[in-house]
Each structure stands twice: as structure tokens, then as C-alpha cells.
Protein backbone atom coordinates (compact mmCIF):
# COMPACT_ATOMS: atom_id res chain seq x y z
CA UNK A 1 -89.66 43.56 -57.56
CA UNK A 2 -86.99 41.15 -56.30
CA UNK A 3 -83.61 41.06 -58.03
CA UNK A 4 -83.57 38.17 -60.54
CA UNK A 5 -79.82 37.78 -60.07
CA UNK A 6 -79.42 37.59 -56.27
CA UNK A 7 -83.13 37.13 -55.31
CA UNK A 8 -83.04 39.98 -52.79
CA UNK A 9 -86.44 41.72 -52.48
CA UNK A 10 -84.95 45.08 -51.41
CA UNK A 11 -84.40 46.79 -54.75
CA UNK A 12 -84.68 50.41 -55.85
CA UNK A 13 -86.99 51.58 -58.59
CA UNK A 14 -85.25 53.85 -61.10
CA UNK A 15 -86.77 56.88 -62.80
CA UNK A 16 -85.56 55.69 -66.21
CA UNK A 17 -87.55 53.25 -68.30
CA UNK A 18 -86.62 51.03 -71.23
CA UNK A 19 -87.25 52.05 -74.85
CA UNK A 20 -90.55 50.16 -74.72
CA UNK A 21 -91.58 51.89 -71.48
CA UNK A 22 -90.94 49.13 -68.94
CA UNK A 23 -89.88 50.09 -65.40
CA UNK A 24 -86.24 49.52 -64.46
CA UNK A 25 -84.85 48.52 -61.08
CA UNK A 26 -81.44 48.55 -59.41
CA UNK A 27 -79.97 46.65 -56.49
CA UNK A 28 -76.79 48.37 -55.24
CA UNK A 29 -75.17 45.33 -53.58
CA UNK A 30 -75.06 43.14 -56.71
CA UNK A 31 -74.90 46.22 -59.01
CA UNK A 32 -77.39 44.88 -61.57
CA UNK A 33 -79.89 46.97 -63.48
CA UNK A 34 -82.89 45.04 -64.75
CA UNK A 35 -86.44 45.59 -65.97
CA UNK A 36 -89.87 44.01 -65.57
CA UNK A 37 -89.20 41.53 -68.38
CA UNK A 38 -85.83 40.26 -67.15
CA UNK A 39 -85.88 36.50 -66.70
CA UNK A 40 -88.95 35.98 -68.92
CA UNK A 41 -89.16 34.63 -72.47
CA UNK A 42 -90.20 38.14 -73.59
CA UNK A 43 -86.99 39.85 -72.44
CA UNK A 44 -85.12 39.91 -75.78
CA UNK A 45 -88.11 40.77 -77.97
CA UNK A 46 -88.20 44.18 -79.64
CA UNK A 47 -91.97 44.62 -79.39
CA UNK A 48 -94.24 45.19 -76.38
CA UNK A 49 -95.59 42.10 -74.64
CA UNK A 50 -99.22 43.02 -75.32
CA UNK A 51 -98.58 43.16 -79.09
CA UNK A 52 -96.83 39.77 -79.04
CA UNK A 53 -99.70 38.17 -77.14
CA UNK A 54 -102.23 39.75 -79.51
CA UNK A 55 -100.43 38.25 -82.53
CA UNK A 56 -100.36 34.82 -80.88
CA UNK A 57 -104.08 35.09 -80.08
CA UNK A 58 -104.91 36.03 -83.69
CA UNK A 59 -102.87 33.10 -84.99
CA UNK A 60 -104.52 30.53 -82.72
CA UNK A 61 -108.07 31.83 -82.46
CA UNK A 62 -108.76 32.70 -86.10
CA UNK A 63 -106.54 29.98 -87.61
CA UNK A 64 -104.73 32.52 -89.76
CA UNK A 65 -101.60 31.75 -91.71
CA UNK A 66 -98.36 33.19 -90.44
CA UNK A 67 -98.27 35.46 -93.49
CA UNK A 68 -101.73 36.88 -92.66
CA UNK A 69 -100.76 37.50 -89.04
CA UNK A 70 -97.52 39.20 -90.11
CA UNK A 71 -99.45 41.48 -92.49
CA UNK A 72 -101.96 42.42 -89.76
CA UNK A 73 -99.11 43.01 -87.32
CA UNK A 74 -97.22 45.30 -89.71
CA UNK A 75 -100.37 47.31 -90.41
CA UNK A 76 -101.11 47.68 -86.69
CA UNK A 77 -97.56 48.75 -85.81
CA UNK A 78 -97.25 51.21 -88.70
CA UNK A 79 -100.70 52.68 -88.11
CA UNK A 80 -102.01 51.88 -91.60
CA UNK A 81 -105.16 50.16 -90.44
CA UNK A 82 -108.04 50.52 -92.91
CA UNK A 83 -111.58 49.94 -91.80
């Protein structure tokens, strides 16, 4: 993955991952550590990208209110899903 700061494609993959499990990379010349989400609108979010996209899909596809989507999201994240 090229460095988003200096655009050099020769970066090193690190063994460490972020708290959400995303791969991290390092480029020694510019001394920046970054992850897969750096430079995207999802970088500062505290939830995984797949969960965010699922919530957006529910909101648009099923025409749910924001309150309904938030309730479904909380139940999914906490594991309290009742069938």
C-alpha cells in the first residue's frame, strides 16, 4: 500500500494491527505509521467499516428512521439480537 503522506509505494507492512484489526504500514524515510483506512472518510470512526456500511444500507433500503437504525445497531454490536 503506498504511503498516503509521501506517495511512495515502497512501504513496510507491520505485524501490529489497529484496535479494529486493520493492517498497519510504515515507511522509514518519511517516518509515518498509517493503516488501511488512512485518507478515507472512515478513518476517524470507532466502528468497523462493514458495520457502518450495513447501517447505511438499512437506513436507505428499508426506509427506517434513524432511531430504528440506531436501535438495531446497538443490538447487533452488543450481541442482544433476538430472533
